[in-house]
Amino acid sequence: MSLTAPRAAGSTVSPELTPLSDHEWRVIDSSRDPDDAASVLGFVDRMLDGQYEVIVVRPGSGRGPGSGVSRTLVTDLNEVTALFAAE
């Protein structure tokens, strides 16, 4: 089962969580071609304490503003989809 967030006002991203296991998800932009590597927005892992670790992947060399990888902890999957919808 995938979770899809509504697109945030002014956002061009349509985040969708695709399960990889019972506690891991890949986050993709469903508005992009699934064969496009840039459709992968990040990954989510439900940790033992019930929080969700969110890894956000931003395209680019990792050297400029707005590119690279960041890690965030949230308490529920609704926060995950909201986080990516706001990107």
Protein backbone atom coordinates (compact mmCIF):
# COMPACT_ATOMS: atom_id res chain seq x y z
CA MET A 1 0.00 0.00 0.00
CA SER A 2 1.36 3.40 -0.96
CA LEU A 3 0.68 6.65 0.83
CA THR A 4 0.29 9.75 -1.29
CA ALA A 5 0.23 13.30 0.04
CA PRO A 6 -1.70 16.09 -1.60
CA ARG A 7 0.53 18.55 -3.42
CA ALA A 8 1.29 21.59 -1.22
CA ALA A 9 0.34 25.00 -2.59
CA GLY A 10 3.16 26.21 -4.82
CA SER A 11 4.92 22.82 -4.73
CA THR A 12 5.70 20.80 -7.81
CA VAL A 13 6.29 17.58 -5.80
CA SER A 14 3.72 14.79 -5.35
CA PRO A 15 5.30 12.57 -2.65
CA GLU A 16 4.32 8.91 -2.51
CA LEU A 17 5.61 6.38 0.05
CA THR A 18 6.23 2.95 -1.44
CA PRO A 19 6.84 0.15 1.07
CA LEU A 20 10.13 -1.70 0.84
CA SER A 21 9.48 -3.79 3.98
CA ASP A 22 7.20 -3.66 7.02
CA HIS A 23 9.24 -0.74 8.42
CA GLU A 24 10.93 0.91 5.42
CA TRP A 25 9.63 3.07 2.59
CA ARG A 26 11.02 4.76 -0.50
CA VAL A 27 9.65 8.25 -1.15
CA ILE A 28 9.14 9.12 -4.79
CA ASP A 29 7.70 12.06 -6.67
CA SER A 30 4.73 10.44 -8.40
CA SER A 31 4.53 13.36 -10.86
CA ARG A 32 7.84 12.23 -12.41
CA ASP A 33 8.64 9.27 -14.63
CA PRO A 34 9.41 6.32 -12.31
CA ASP A 35 12.44 5.47 -14.47
CA ASP A 36 13.92 8.91 -13.73
CA ALA A 37 16.41 8.67 -10.84
CA ALA A 38 15.34 12.18 -9.80
CA SER A 39 11.91 10.74 -8.89
CA VAL A 40 13.48 9.31 -5.70
CA LEU A 41 13.09 11.93 -2.97
CA GLY A 42 14.30 9.88 -0.03
CA PHE A 43 13.77 6.98 2.33
CA VAL A 44 11.94 6.38 5.62
CA ASP A 45 12.70 3.85 8.36
CA ARG A 46 10.44 3.23 11.38
CA MET A 47 12.79 2.94 14.33
CA LEU A 48 12.33 0.74 17.39
CA ASP A 49 11.18 3.69 19.51
CA GLY A 50 8.31 4.37 17.06
CA GLN A 51 9.84 7.47 15.47
CA TYR A 52 10.51 7.65 11.74
CA GLU A 53 13.96 8.45 10.41
CA VAL A 54 13.61 10.38 7.17
CA ILE A 55 16.51 10.64 4.73
CA VAL A 56 15.90 13.42 2.19
CA VAL A 57 17.93 13.19 -1.03
CA ARG A 58 18.30 16.37 -3.02
CA PRO A 59 19.72 16.17 -6.55
CA GLY A 60 23.01 17.84 -7.33
CA SER A 61 26.66 17.46 -6.61
CA GLY A 62 26.22 17.82 -2.87
CA ARG A 63 28.27 21.00 -2.96
CA GLY A 64 25.75 23.69 -3.77
CA PRO A 65 22.82 25.02 -1.75
CA GLY A 66 19.79 22.78 -1.86
CA SER A 67 21.69 19.65 -2.80
CA GLY A 68 22.89 16.70 -0.75
CA VAL A 69 21.37 14.48 1.92
CA SER A 70 19.70 15.40 5.19
CA ARG A 71 18.28 13.37 8.08
CA THR A 72 15.18 14.23 10.11
CA LEU A 73 13.21 12.44 12.83
CA VAL A 74 9.41 12.68 12.86
CA THR A 75 6.69 10.97 14.90
CA ASP A 76 4.23 9.79 12.22
CA LEU A 77 3.91 9.12 8.51
CA ASN A 78 1.68 12.16 7.98
CA GLU A 79 4.64 14.33 8.98
CA VAL A 80 6.76 12.45 6.44
CA THR A 81 4.47 13.20 3.52
CA ALA A 82 4.06 16.82 4.67
CA LEU A 83 7.85 17.20 4.87
CA PHE A 84 8.29 16.09 1.25
CA ALA A 85 5.25 18.00 -0.01
CA ALA A 86 6.81 21.18 1.37
CA GLU A 87 10.05 20.63 -0.60
